[in-house]
C-alpha atoms as a PDB file:
ATOM      1  CA  UNK A   1      92.362  40.585-129.380  1.00  0.00           C
ATOM      2  CA  UNK A   2      92.241  41.345-133.105  1.00  0.00           C
ATOM      3  CA  UNK A   3      94.871  42.024-135.751  1.00  0.00           C
ATOM      4  CA  UNK A   4      93.806  45.658-135.786  1.00  0.00           C
ATOM      5  CA  UNK A   5      94.880  45.935-132.142  1.00  0.00           C
ATOM      6  CA  UNK A   6      98.335  44.630-133.057  1.00  0.00           C
ATOM      7  CA  UNK A   7      98.633  46.821-136.157  1.00  0.00           C
ATOM      8  CA  UNK A   8      97.932  49.919-134.048  1.00  0.00           C
ATOM      9  CA  UNK A   9     101.162  48.970-132.258  1.00  0.00           C
ATOM     10  CA  UNK A  10     102.975  48.374-135.586  1.00  0.00           C
ATOM     11  CA  UNK A  11     102.869  44.605-135.383  1.00  0.00           C
ATOM     12  CA  UNK A  12     101.944  42.983-138.693  1.00  0.00           C
ATOM     13  CA  UNK A  13     101.123  39.355-139.420  1.00  0.00           C
ATOM     14  CA  UNK A  14     101.421  37.582-142.746  1.00  0.00           C
ATOM     15  CA  UNK A  15      99.795  34.155-142.848  1.00  0.00           C
ATOM     16  CA  UNK A  16     100.173  33.499-146.557  1.00  0.00           C
ATOM     17  CA  UNK A  17     102.452  30.737-147.818  1.00  0.00           C
ATOM     18  CA  UNK A  18     104.750  31.624-149.436  1.00  0.00           C
ATOM     19  CA  UNK A  19     104.931  34.927-147.490  1.00  0.00           C
ATOM     20  CA  UNK A  20     103.433  38.046-149.044  1.00  0.00           C
ATOM     21  CA  UNK A  21     105.806  40.235-151.060  1.00  0.00           C
ATOM     22  CA  UNK A  22     105.699  42.933-148.393  1.00  0.00           C
ATOM     23  CA  UNK A  23     107.383  40.434-146.057  1.00  0.00           C
ATOM     24  CA  UNK A  24     110.602  39.971-147.952  1.00  0.00           C
ATOM     25  CA  UNK A  25     112.491  39.101-144.803  1.00  0.00           C
ATOM     26  CA  UNK A  26     116.065  40.260-144.139  1.00  0.00           C
ATOM     27  CA  UNK A  27     118.823  37.756-144.849  1.00  0.00           C
ATOM     28  CA  UNK A  28     119.503  36.935-141.190  1.00  0.00           C
ATOM     29  CA  UNK A  29     115.798  36.158-140.662  1.00  0.00           C
ATOM     30  CA  UNK A  30     115.715  34.031-143.822  1.00  0.00           C
ATOM     31  CA  UNK A  31     118.643  31.903-142.624  1.00  0.00           C
ATOM     32  CA  UNK A  32     117.078  31.684-139.170  1.00  0.00           C
ATOM     33  CA  UNK A  33     113.920  30.320-140.794  1.00  0.00           C
ATOM     34  CA  UNK A  34     115.917  27.850-142.882  1.00  0.00           C
ATOM     35  CA  UNK A  35     117.519  26.501-139.710  1.00  0.00           C
ATOM     36  CA  UNK A  36     114.059  25.993-138.176  1.00  0.00           C
ATOM     37  CA  UNK A  37     112.844  24.166-141.277  1.00  0.00           C
ATOM     38  CA  UNK A  38     115.886  21.927-141.702  1.00  0.00           C
ATOM     39  CA  UNK A  39     114.684  18.320-141.917  1.00  0.00           C
ATOM     40  CA  UNK A  40     117.714  16.764-143.586  1.00  0.00           C
ATOM     41  CA  UNK A  41     118.457  13.215-142.410  1.00  0.00           C
ATOM     42  CA  UNK A  42     115.017  12.994-140.760  1.00  0.00           C
ATOM     43  CA  UNK A  43     112.870   9.855-140.746  1.00  0.00           C
ATOM     44  CA  UNK A  44     110.498  10.919-143.520  1.00  0.00           C
ATOM     45  CA  UNK A  45     113.295  12.481-145.548  1.00  0.00           C
ATOM     46  CA  UNK A  46     114.846   9.029-145.745  1.00  0.00           C
ATOM     47  CA  UNK A  47     111.611   7.552-147.082  1.00  0.00           C
ATOM     48  CA  UNK A  48     110.925   9.726-150.118  1.00  0.00           C
ATOM     49  CA  UNK A  49     108.488  10.911-151.380  1.00  0.00           C
ATOM     50  CA  UNK A  50     107.241  13.091-148.562  1.00  0.00           C
ATOM     51  CA  UNK A  51     103.462  13.040-148.870  1.00  0.00           C
ATOM     52  CA  UNK A  52     100.514  11.736-146.866  1.00  0.00           C
ATOM     53  CA  UNK A  53      99.846   8.704-149.073  1.00  0.00           C
ATOM     54  CA  UNK A  54     103.434   7.548-148.785  1.00  0.00           C
ATOM     55  CA  UNK A  55     103.337   8.039-145.023  1.00  0.00           C
ATOM     56  CA  UNK A  56     100.289   5.789-144.724  1.00  0.00           C
ATOM     57  CA  UNK A  57     102.087   3.165-146.814  1.00  0.00           C
ATOM     58  CA  UNK A  58     105.285   3.225-144.786  1.00  0.00           C
ATOM     59  CA  UNK A  59     104.785  -0.421-143.842  1.00  0.00           C
ATOM     60  CA  UNK A  60     104.984  -1.596-147.442  1.00  0.00           C
ATOM     61  CA  UNK A  61     107.845   0.796-148.170  1.00  0.00           C
ATOM     62  CA  UNK A  62     109.918  -0.628-145.325  1.00  0.00           C
ATOM     63  CA  UNK A  63     109.086  -4.216-146.307  1.00  0.00           C
ATOM     64  CA  UNK A  64     110.266  -3.529-149.827  1.00  0.00           C
ATOM     65  CA  UNK A  65     113.525  -2.109-148.532  1.00  0.00           C
ATOM     66  CA  UNK A  66     114.036  -5.154-146.311  1.00  0.00           C
ATOM     67  CA  UNK A  67     113.533  -7.466-149.317  1.00  0.00           C
ATOM     68  CA  UNK A  68     116.316  -5.572-151.031  1.00  0.00           C
ATOM     69  CA  UNK A  69     118.474  -5.985-147.936  1.00  0.00           C
ATOM     70  CA  UNK A  70     118.676  -2.221-147.391  1.00  0.00           C
ATOM     71  CA  UNK A  71     119.604  -1.145-143.863  1.00  0.00           C
ATOM     72  CA  UNK A  72     116.547   0.495-142.227  1.00  0.00           C
ATOM     73  CA  UNK A  73     117.876   1.001-138.684  1.00  0.00           C
ATOM     74  CA  UNK A  74     115.128   2.111-136.309  1.00  0.00           C
ATOM     75  CA  UNK A  75     112.656   3.053-139.055  1.00  0.00           C
ATOM     76  CA  UNK A  76     110.105   0.441-138.018  1.00  0.00           C
ATOM     77  CA  UNK A  77     109.989   1.611-134.397  1.00  0.00           C
ATOM     78  CA  UNK A  78     109.787   5.262-135.437  1.00  0.00           C
ATOM     79  CA  UNK A  79     107.138   4.397-138.040  1.00  0.00           C
ATOM     80  CA  UNK A  80     104.933   2.677-135.434  1.00  0.00           C
ATOM     81  CA  UNK A  81     105.368   5.566-132.993  1.00  0.00           C
ATOM     82  CA  UNK A  82     104.493   8.114-135.708  1.00  0.00           C
ATOM     83  CA  UNK A  83     101.357   6.255-136.765  1.00  0.00           C
ATOM     84  CA  UNK A  84     100.268   5.938-133.131  1.00  0.00           C
ATOM     85  CA  UNK A  85     100.534   9.722-132.682  1.00  0.00           C
ATOM     86  CA  UNK A  86      98.662  10.307-135.937  1.00  0.00           C
ATOM     87  CA  UNK A  87      95.833   8.027-134.766  1.00  0.00           C
ATOM     88  CA  UNK A  88      95.645   9.835-131.406  1.00  0.00           C
ATOM     89  CA  UNK A  89      95.331  13.169-133.210  1.00  0.00           C
ATOM     90  CA  UNK A  90      92.578  11.787-135.440  1.00  0.00           C
ATOM     91  CA  UNK A  91      90.670  10.510-132.385  1.00  0.00           C
ATOM     92  CA  UNK A  92      90.914  13.880-130.621  1.00  0.00           C
ATOM     93  CA  UNK A  93      89.724  15.634-133.775  1.00  0.00           C
ATOM     94  CA  UNK A  94      86.701  13.394-134.184  1.00  0.00           C
ATOM     95  CA  UNK A  95      85.785  13.845-130.503  1.00  0.00           C
ATOM     96  CA  UNK A  96      86.122  17.652-130.780  1.00  0.00           C
ATOM     97  CA  UNK A  97      87.920  17.739-127.421  1.00  0.00           C
ATOM     98  CA  UNK A  98      88.781  20.802-125.345  1.00  0.00           C
ATOM     99  CA  UNK A  99      91.901  22.950-125.676  1.00  0.00           C
ATOM    100  CA  UNK A 100      93.386  21.345-122.529  1.00  0.00           C
ATOM    101  CA  UNK A 101      93.298  17.913-124.208  1.00  0.00           C
ATOM    102  CA  UNK A 102      95.238  19.245-127.190  1.00  0.00           C
ATOM    103  CA  UNK A 103      97.712  20.983-124.912  1.00  0.00           C
ATOM    104  CA  UNK A 104      98.370  17.662-123.137  1.00  0.00           C
ATOM    105  CA  UNK A 105      98.660  15.842-126.475  1.00  0.00           C
ATOM    106  CA  UNK A 106     101.358  18.132-127.834  1.00  0.00           C
ATOM    107  CA  UNK A 107     103.231  18.271-124.537  1.00  0.00           C
ATOM    108  CA  UNK A 108     103.296  14.485-124.085  1.00  0.00           C
ATOM    109  CA  UNK A 109     104.242  13.668-127.670  1.00  0.00           C
ATOM    110  CA  UNK A 110     106.453  16.548-128.761  1.00  0.00           C
ATOM    111  CA  UNK A 111     107.481  19.315-126.366  1.00  0.00           C
ATOM    112  CA  UNK A 112     107.936  17.073-123.329  1.00  0.00           C
ATOM    113  CA  UNK A 113     110.150  14.757-125.371  1.00  0.00           C
ATOM    114  CA  UNK A 114     112.263  17.745-126.417  1.00  0.00           C
ATOM    115  CA  UNK A 115     112.720  18.772-122.773  1.00  0.00           C
ATOM    116  CA  UNK A 116     113.725  15.285-121.643  1.00  0.00           C
ATOM    117  CA  UNK A 117     116.331  15.069-124.393  1.00  0.00           C
ATOM    118  CA  UNK A 118     118.461  17.612-122.562  1.00  0.00           C
ATOM    119  CA  UNK A 119     117.947  16.444-118.980  1.00  0.00           C
ATOM    120  CA  UNK A 120     120.757  14.648-117.174  1.00  0.00           C
ATOM    121  CA  UNK A 121     120.603  10.853-117.132  1.00  0.00           C
ATOM    122  CA  UNK A 122     122.665   8.177-115.315  1.00  0.00           C
ATOM    123  CA  UNK A 123     124.149   7.293-118.707  1.00  0.00           C
ATOM    124  CA  UNK A 124     125.688  10.714-119.234  1.00  0.00           C
ATOM    125  CA  UNK A 125     129.453  10.976-119.279  1.00  0.00           C
ATOM    126  CA  UNK A 126     131.161  13.856-117.546  1.00  0.00           C
ATOM    127  CA  UNK A 127     131.512  15.589-120.914  1.00  0.00           C
ATOM    128  CA  UNK A 128     127.895  15.162-121.985  1.00  0.00           C
ATOM    129  CA  UNK A 129     126.547  16.208-118.579  1.00  0.00           C
ATOM    130  CA  UNK A 130     128.696  19.332-118.578  1.00  0.00           C
ATOM    131  CA  UNK A 131     127.505  20.181-122.089  1.00  0.00           C
ATOM    132  CA  UNK A 132     123.883  19.815-121.017  1.00  0.00           C
ATOM    133  CA  UNK A 133     124.096  21.820-117.821  1.00  0.00           C
ATOM    134  CA  UNK A 134     126.019  24.757-119.258  1.00  0.00           C
ATOM    135  CA  UNK A 135     124.895  24.885-122.890  1.00  0.00           C
ATOM    136  CA  UNK A 136     121.857  22.750-123.803  1.00  0.00           C
ATOM    137  CA  UNK A 137     119.349  22.598-120.949  1.00  0.00           C
ATOM    138  CA  UNK A 138     116.452  25.057-120.972  1.00  0.00           C
ATOM    139  CA  UNK A 139     113.548  26.000-118.720  1.00  0.00           C
ATOM    140  CA  UNK A 140     109.852  25.983-119.626  1.00  0.00           C
ATOM    141  CA  UNK A 141     106.559  27.137-118.153  1.00  0.00           C
ATOM    142  CA  UNK A 142     102.867  26.605-118.855  1.00  0.00           C
ATOM    143  CA  UNK A 143     100.302  29.404-118.530  1.00  0.00           C
ATOM    144  CA  UNK A 144     102.744  31.714-116.742  1.00  0.00           C
ATOM    145  CA  UNK A 145     101.648  35.343-116.717  1.00  0.00           C
ATOM    146  CA  UNK A 146     104.279  37.731-118.084  1.00  0.00           C
ATOM    147  CA  UNK A 147     103.771  40.276-115.306  1.00  0.00           C
ATOM    148  CA  UNK A 148     106.618  42.484-116.518  1.00  0.00           C
ATOM    149  CA  UNK A 149     104.426  43.671-119.388  1.00  0.00           C
ATOM    150  CA  UNK A 150     101.722  44.990-117.101  1.00  0.00           C
ATOM    151  CA  UNK A 151     103.861  48.113-116.912  1.00  0.00           C
ATOM    152  CA  UNK A 152     106.769  47.803-119.360  1.00  0.00           C
ATOM    153  CA  UNK A 153     106.637  49.635-122.723  1.00  0.00           C
ATOM    154  CA  UNK A 154     102.936  50.319-122.391  1.00  0.00           C
ATOM    155  CA  UNK A 155     103.130  52.998-125.113  1.00  0.00           C
ATOM    156  CA  UNK A 156     104.147  50.247-127.577  1.00  0.00           C
ATOM    157  CA  UNK A 157     101.466  47.843-126.323  1.00  0.00           C
ATOM    158  CA  UNK A 158      98.348  50.017-126.255  1.00  0.00           C
ATOM    159  CA  UNK A 159      95.198  47.971-125.843  1.00  0.00           C
ATOM    160  CA  UNK A 160      97.089  44.643-125.672  1.00  0.00           C
ATOM    161  CA  UNK A 161      96.659  42.147-122.851  1.00  0.00           C
ATOM    162  CA  UNK A 162      99.445  40.857-120.620  1.00  0.00           C
ATOM    163  CA  UNK A 163     100.844  37.773-122.396  1.00  0.00           C
ATOM    164  CA  UNK A 164     100.146  34.389-120.812  1.00  0.00           C
ATOM    165  CA  UNK A 165     101.376  31.789-123.310  1.00  0.00           C
ATOM    166  CA  UNK A 166     100.199  28.187-123.094  1.00  0.00           C
ATOM    167  CA  UNK A 167     103.843  27.098-123.216  1.00  0.00           C
ATOM    168  CA  UNK A 168     107.122  29.024-123.248  1.00  0.00           C
ATOM    169  CA  UNK A 169     110.762  27.940-123.458  1.00  0.00           C
ATOM    170  CA  UNK A 170     113.435  30.114-121.824  1.00  0.00           C
ATOM    171  CA  UNK A 171     117.176  30.309-121.528  1.00  0.00           C
ATOM    172  CA  UNK A 172     118.037  29.065-118.018  1.00  0.00           C
ATOM    173  CA  UNK A 173     119.443  31.272-115.275  1.00  0.00           C
ATOM    174  CA  UNK A 174     122.184  29.514-113.285  1.00  0.00           C
ATOM    175  CA  UNK A 175     121.680  29.890-109.554  1.00  0.00           C
ATOM    176  CA  UNK A 176     125.174  30.705-108.330  1.00  0.00           C
ATOM    177  CA  UNK A 177     123.852  31.770-104.909  1.00  0.00           C
ATOM    178  CA  UNK A 178     123.852  28.107-103.822  1.00  0.00           C
ATOM    179  CA  UNK A 179     126.578  25.470-103.702  1.00  0.00           C
ATOM    180  CA  UNK A 180     125.188  23.343-106.516  1.00  0.00           C
ATOM    181  CA  UNK A 181     123.155  23.897-109.638  1.00  0.00           C
ATOM    182  CA  UNK A 182     121.477  20.738-110.862  1.00  0.00           C
ATOM    183  CA  UNK A 183     118.921  20.070-113.577  1.00  0.00           C
ATOM    184  CA  UNK A 184     116.175  17.405-113.586  1.00  0.00           C
ATOM    185  CA  UNK A 185     117.467  13.861-113.791  1.00  0.00           C
ATOM    186  CA  UNK A 186     120.776  14.793-112.193  1.00  0.00           C
ATOM    187  CA  UNK A 187     122.239  12.725-109.400  1.00  0.00           C
ATOM    188  CA  UNK A 188     125.404  11.194-110.727  1.00  0.00           C
ATOM    189  CA  UNK A 189     126.956  14.529-111.665  1.00  0.00           C
ATOM    190  CA  UNK A 190     126.577  17.502-109.313  1.00  0.00           C
ATOM    191  CA  UNK A 191     128.318  20.488-110.779  1.00  0.00           C
ATOM    192  CA  UNK A 192     129.510  23.141-108.363  1.00  0.00           C
ATOM    193  CA  UNK A 193     128.228  26.423-109.778  1.00  0.00           C
ATOM    194  CA  UNK A 194     130.408  28.591-107.583  1.00  0.00           C
ATOM    195  CA  UNK A 195     133.529  26.865-108.874  1.00  0.00           C
ATOM    196  CA  UNK A 196     132.318  27.098-112.491  1.00  0.00           C
ATOM    197  CA  UNK A 197     130.568  30.455-112.466  1.00  0.00           C
ATOM    198  CA  UNK A 198     132.690  31.666-115.376  1.00  0.00           C
ATOM    199  CA  UNK A 199     131.226  28.840-117.486  1.00  0.00           C
ATOM    200  CA  UNK A 200     127.736  30.300-117.191  1.00  0.00           C
ATOM    201  CA  UNK A 201     128.970  33.461-118.919  1.00  0.00           C
ATOM    202  CA  UNK A 202     126.238  36.085-118.552  1.00  0.00           C
ATOM    203  CA  UNK A 203     123.522  33.651-117.481  1.00  0.00           C
ATOM    204  CA  UNK A 204     124.136  33.460-113.745  1.00  0.00           C
ATOM    205  CA  UNK A 205     121.445  34.928-111.499  1.00  0.00           C
ATOM    206  CA  UNK A 206     124.014  37.151-109.813  1.00  0.00           C
ATOM    207  CA  UNK A 207     125.137  38.673-113.117  1.00  0.00           C
ATOM    208  CA  UNK A 208     121.683  39.154-114.617  1.00  0.00           C
ATOM    209  CA  UNK A 209     120.254  40.644-111.424  1.00  0.00           C
ATOM    210  CA  UNK A 210     123.231  42.984-111.235  1.00  0.00           C
ATOM    211  CA  UNK A 211     122.679  44.112-114.824  1.00  0.00           C
ATOM    212  CA  UNK A 212     118.968  44.570-114.063  1.00  0.00           C
ATOM    213  CA  UNK A 213     120.053  47.269-111.638  1.00  0.00           C
ATOM    214  CA  UNK A 214     121.395  49.121-114.692  1.00  0.00           C
ATOM    215  CA  UNK A 215     118.271  48.691-116.819  1.00  0.00           C
ATOM    216  CA  UNK A 216     118.437  45.163-118.248  1.00  0.00           C
ATOM    217  CA  UNK A 217     115.190  43.190-118.088  1.00  0.00           C
ATOM    218  CA  UNK A 218     115.432  39.505-118.848  1.00  0.00           C
ATOM    219  CA  UNK A 219     112.561  37.665-117.116  1.00  0.00           C
ATOM    220  CA  UNK A 220     109.054  38.382-118.469  1.00  0.00           C
ATOM    221  CA  UNK A 221     107.428  36.713-115.432  1.00  0.00           C
ATOM    222  CA  UNK A 222     109.011  39.042-112.856  1.00  0.00           C
ATOM    223  CA  UNK A 223     108.581  42.773-112.336  1.00  0.00           C
ATOM    224  CA  UNK A 224     111.520  45.188-112.425  1.00  0.00           C
ATOM    225  CA  UNK A 225     112.212  45.201-108.671  1.00  0.00           C
ATOM    226  CA  UNK A 226     112.271  41.389-108.432  1.00  0.00           C
ATOM    227  CA  UNK A 227     114.768  41.183-111.279  1.00  0.00           C
ATOM    228  CA  UNK A 228     117.084  43.648-109.537  1.00  0.00           C
ATOM    229  CA  UNK A 229     117.358  41.696-106.254  1.00  0.00           C
ATOM    230  CA  UNK A 230     120.861  40.267-106.699  1.00  0.00           C
ATOM    231  CA  UNK A 231     121.057  39.218-103.031  1.00  0.00           C
ATOM    232  CA  UNK A 232     117.915  37.081-103.185  1.00  0.00           C
ATOM    233  CA  UNK A 233     118.873  33.781-101.569  1.00  0.00           C
ATOM    234  CA  UNK A 234     115.819  31.551-101.988  1.00  0.00           C
ATOM    235  CA  UNK A 235     114.808  31.381-105.603  1.00  0.00           C
ATOM    236  CA  UNK A 236     111.631  29.976-107.144  1.00  0.00           C
ATOM    237  CA  UNK A 237     111.701  28.181-110.492  1.00  0.00           C
ATOM    238  CA  UNK A 238     110.175  31.261-112.133  1.00  0.00           C
ATOM    239  CA  UNK A 239     113.233  33.267-110.983  1.00  0.00           C
ATOM    240  CA  UNK A 240     115.376  31.108-113.265  1.00  0.00           C
ATOM    241  CA  UNK A 241     113.690  32.124-116.545  1.00  0.00           C
ATOM    242  CA  UNK A 242     115.358  34.464-119.001  1.00  0.00           C
ATOM    243  CA  UNK A 243     114.813  35.635-122.579  1.00  0.00           C
ATOM    244  CA  UNK A 244     111.997  33.425-123.938  1.00  0.00           C
ATOM    245  CA  UNK A 245     113.083  31.856-127.225  1.00  0.00           C
ATOM    246  CA  UNK A 246     109.944  29.904-128.217  1.00  0.00           C
ATOM    247  CA  UNK A 247     106.267  30.632-127.604  1.00  0.00           C
ATOM    248  CA  UNK A 248     103.476  28.084-128.139  1.00  0.00           C
ATOM    249  CA  UNK A 249      99.728  28.778-128.220  1.00  0.00           C
ATOM    250  CA  UNK A 250      97.036  26.079-128.525  1.00  0.00           C
ATOM    251  CA  UNK A 251      93.372  26.087-129.526  1.00  0.00           C
ATOM    252  CA  UNK A 252      90.867  23.300-130.057  1.00  0.00           C
ATOM    253  CA  UNK A 253      89.732  22.504-133.586  1.00  0.00           C
ATOM    254  CA  UNK A 254      86.855  24.296-135.322  1.00  0.00           C
ATOM    255  CA  UNK A 255      87.628  27.718-133.833  1.00  0.00           C
ATOM    256  CA  UNK A 256      88.661  31.060-135.294  1.00  0.00           C
ATOM    257  CA  UNK A 257      92.375  30.708-136.079  1.00  0.00           C
ATOM    258  CA  UNK A 258      92.828  34.466-135.963  1.00  0.00           C
ATOM    259  CA  UNK A 259      92.532  34.533-132.159  1.00  0.00           C
ATOM    260  CA  UNK A 260      95.345  32.050-131.482  1.00  0.00           C
ATOM    261  CA  UNK A 261      97.617  33.758-134.027  1.00  0.00           C
ATOM    262  CA  UNK A 262      97.060  37.117-132.326  1.00  0.00           C
ATOM    263  CA  UNK A 263      97.818  35.576-128.920  1.00  0.00           C
ATOM    264  CA  UNK A 264     101.101  34.171-130.247  1.00  0.00           C
ATOM    265  CA  UNK A 265     101.967  37.486-131.888  1.00  0.00           C
ATOM    266  CA  UNK A 266     101.265  39.372-128.658  1.00  0.00           C
ATOM    267  CA  UNK A 267     103.620  37.136-126.654  1.00  0.00           C
ATOM    268  CA  UNK A 268     106.356  36.825-129.269  1.00  0.00           C
ATOM    269  CA  UNK A 269     106.469  40.582-129.831  1.00  0.00           C
ATOM    270  CA  UNK A 270     107.011  40.972-126.063  1.00  0.00           C
ATOM    271  CA  UNK A 271     109.834  38.410-126.244  1.00  0.00           C
ATOM    272  CA  UNK A 272     111.472  40.361-129.080  1.00  0.00           C
ATOM    273  CA  UNK A 273     111.242  43.523-126.955  1.00  0.00           C
ATOM    274  CA  UNK A 274     113.434  41.808-124.344  1.00  0.00           C
ATOM    275  CA  UNK A 275     115.890  40.785-127.088  1.00  0.00           C
ATOM    276  CA  UNK A 276     115.897  44.380-128.316  1.00  0.00           C
ATOM    277  CA  UNK A 277     116.679  45.683-124.828  1.00  0.00           C
ATOM    278  CA  UNK A 278     119.481  43.127-124.412  1.00  0.00           C
ATOM    279  CA  UNK A 279     121.018  44.424-127.665  1.00  0.00           C
ATOM    280  CA  UNK A 280     120.712  48.074-126.630  1.00  0.00           C
ATOM    281  CA  UNK A 281     124.483  48.603-126.422  1.00  0.00           C
ATOM    282  CA  UNK A 282     125.393  46.289-129.293  1.00  0.00           C
ATOM    283  CA  UNK A 283     126.675  47.767-132.508  1.00  0.00           C
ATOM    284  CA  UNK A 284     123.727  48.595-134.757  1.00  0.00           C
ATOM    285  CA  UNK A 285     123.588  46.362-137.809  1.00  0.00           C
ATOM    286  CA  UNK A 286     121.693  46.515-141.052  1.00  0.00           C
ATOM    287  CA  UNK A 287     118.092  45.197-140.926  1.00  0.00           C
ATOM    288  CA  UNK A 288     118.211  45.049-137.101  1.00  0.00           C
ATOM    289  CA  UNK A 289     120.407  41.960-137.362  1.00  0.00           C
ATOM    290  CA  UNK A 290     121.651  42.501-133.806  1.00  0.00           C
ATOM    291  CA  UNK A 291     118.136  41.785-132.403  1.00  0.00           C
ATOM    292  CA  UNK A 292     117.500  38.036-132.238  1.00  0.00           C
ATOM    293  CA  UNK A 293     114.203  36.811-133.833  1.00  0.00           C
ATOM    294  CA  UNK A 294     111.812  34.674-131.772  1.00  0.00           C
ATOM    295  CA  UNK A 295     109.855  31.756-133.284  1.00  0.00           C
ATOM    296  CA  UNK A 296     106.353  30.849-132.198  1.00  0.00           C
ATOM    297  CA  UNK A 297     104.103  27.868-132.832  1.00  0.00           C
ATOM    298  CA  UNK A 298     100.325  27.824-133.025  1.00  0.00           C
ATOM    299  CA  UNK A 299      98.163  24.705-133.008  1.00  0.00           C
ATOM    300  CA  UNK A 300      94.484  24.583-133.910  1.00  0.00           C
ATOM    301  CA  UNK A 301      93.374  21.027-133.342  1.00  0.00           C
ATOM    302  CA  UNK A 302      95.941  18.910-135.174  1.00  0.00           C
ATOM    303  CA  UNK A 303      97.076  21.704-137.513  1.00  0.00           C
ATOM    304  CA  UNK A 304     100.460  23.154-136.570  1.00  0.00           C
ATOM    305  CA  UNK A 305     101.902  26.435-137.864  1.00  0.00           C
ATOM    306  CA  UNK A 306     105.367  27.897-137.329  1.00  0.00           C
ATOM    307  CA  UNK A 307     105.989  31.651-137.328  1.00  0.00           C
ATOM    308  CA  UNK A 308     108.960  33.969-136.923  1.00  0.00           C
ATOM    309  CA  UNK A 309     108.767  37.297-135.079  1.00  0.00           C
ATOM    310  CA  UNK A 310     111.496  39.812-135.850  1.00  0.00           C
ATOM    311  CA  UNK A 311     112.262  43.508-135.600  1.00  0.00           C
ATOM    312  CA  UNK A 312     112.094  45.204-139.001  1.00  0.00           C
ATOM    313  CA  UNK A 313     113.565  48.334-140.518  1.00  0.00           C
ATOM    314  CA  UNK A 314     111.566  51.083-142.175  1.00  0.00           C
ATOM    315  CA  UNK A 315     110.722  50.197-145.778  1.00  0.00           C
ATOM    316  CA  UNK A 316     110.177  53.213-148.008  1.00  0.00           C
ATOM    317  CA  UNK A 317     108.583  51.075-150.748  1.00  0.00           C
ATOM    318  CA  UNK A 318     105.346  50.489-148.874  1.00  0.00           C
ATOM    319  CA  UNK A 319     103.287  52.390-146.332  1.00  0.00           C
ATOM    320  CA  UNK A 320     102.276  49.101-144.780  1.00  0.00           C
ATOM    321  CA  UNK A 321     105.619  48.747-142.984  1.00  0.00           C
ATOM    322  CA  UNK A 322     106.862  51.490-140.695  1.00  0.00           C
ATOM    323  CA  UNK A 323     110.052  51.944-138.712  1.00  0.00           C
ATOM    324  CA  UNK A 324     110.867  49.363-136.044  1.00  0.00           C
ATOM    325  CA  UNK A 325     107.752  47.308-136.656  1.00  0.00           C
ATOM    326  CA  UNK A 326     107.529  43.644-135.818  1.00  0.00           C
ATOM    327  CA  UNK A 327     106.875  41.368-138.773  1.00  0.00           C
ATOM    328  CA  UNK A 328     105.390  37.951-138.127  1.00  0.00           C
ATOM    329  CA  UNK A 329     105.282  35.804-141.286  1.00  0.00           C
ATOM    330  CA  UNK A 330     104.080  32.230-141.280  1.00  0.00           C
ATOM    331  CA  UNK A 331     106.842  29.959-142.613  1.00  0.00           C
ATOM    332  CA  UNK A 332     105.433  26.420-142.251  1.00  0.00           C
ATOM    333  CA  UNK A 333     102.137  24.641-141.713  1.00  0.00           C
ATOM    334  CA  UNK A 334     101.416  20.946-141.343  1.00  0.00           C
ATOM    335  CA  UNK A 335      98.606  18.602-140.301  1.00  0.00           C
END
């Protein structure tokens, strides 16, 4: 897949930093990007300046702060963990390992840790467990084929392959067809979904499947008929995916970066199409503000890039942008 294939479907990528002038993003997208890039109160932010040399000298920096009797909290433990990850990445780079090795590296050290943060633990209070199960927990899948797009909006996806992202994060669907809905790690707290169905708002399987009968499509892994089966009693994990909100694509080092960027763009544009459909009956807002953007991450070896995919308005100032195109500017890159 090439950028020309995406541009024929009015999907445009900007990989310059800062973004090219033609990608002056709408205000709601700008603030969305700022939220993604917020690193206030982070480990490195507390150890200014933020550059590679200073990172490698964190040991001496922390020692100096200890001599001055400055509280460092868990900096030493985090420092050692960070350096360990950096050394692993360097080793994988030097060995020129396969894509699968990099996929495992990022999952074990970053994305898996994010998932576990929102799983139930024996230490959770009733309040924290309720917050997790109804508001914070999310589903994920690896290498799942988005079968919906084998037939959905084909006129807007001419010549594009069916997305199959290396990793995707979804909003969870609450299975209210059973007595209990639990999430991994649960055991101490078993929340009765039937008694709390109102707390799931519009994210119960019964509600979403019912809306699918009226045209809503929410699960990229399932075809239209599967999404409309509100009476389905035995659900697979893939039935509990809805509205992907983060797409990740990996490639080994020393390869053409264009291919992985196009893969991420292909999947994230499909995710935005589902957001667009969900907002079909919402009040139209300036700059397509009512359609939620979707971020995506690409990794090539140890280089990580963050992108934002959003629905754009027609811009009369340039022929490069046409009505209802998807703009995908790069907003961050790091090694």
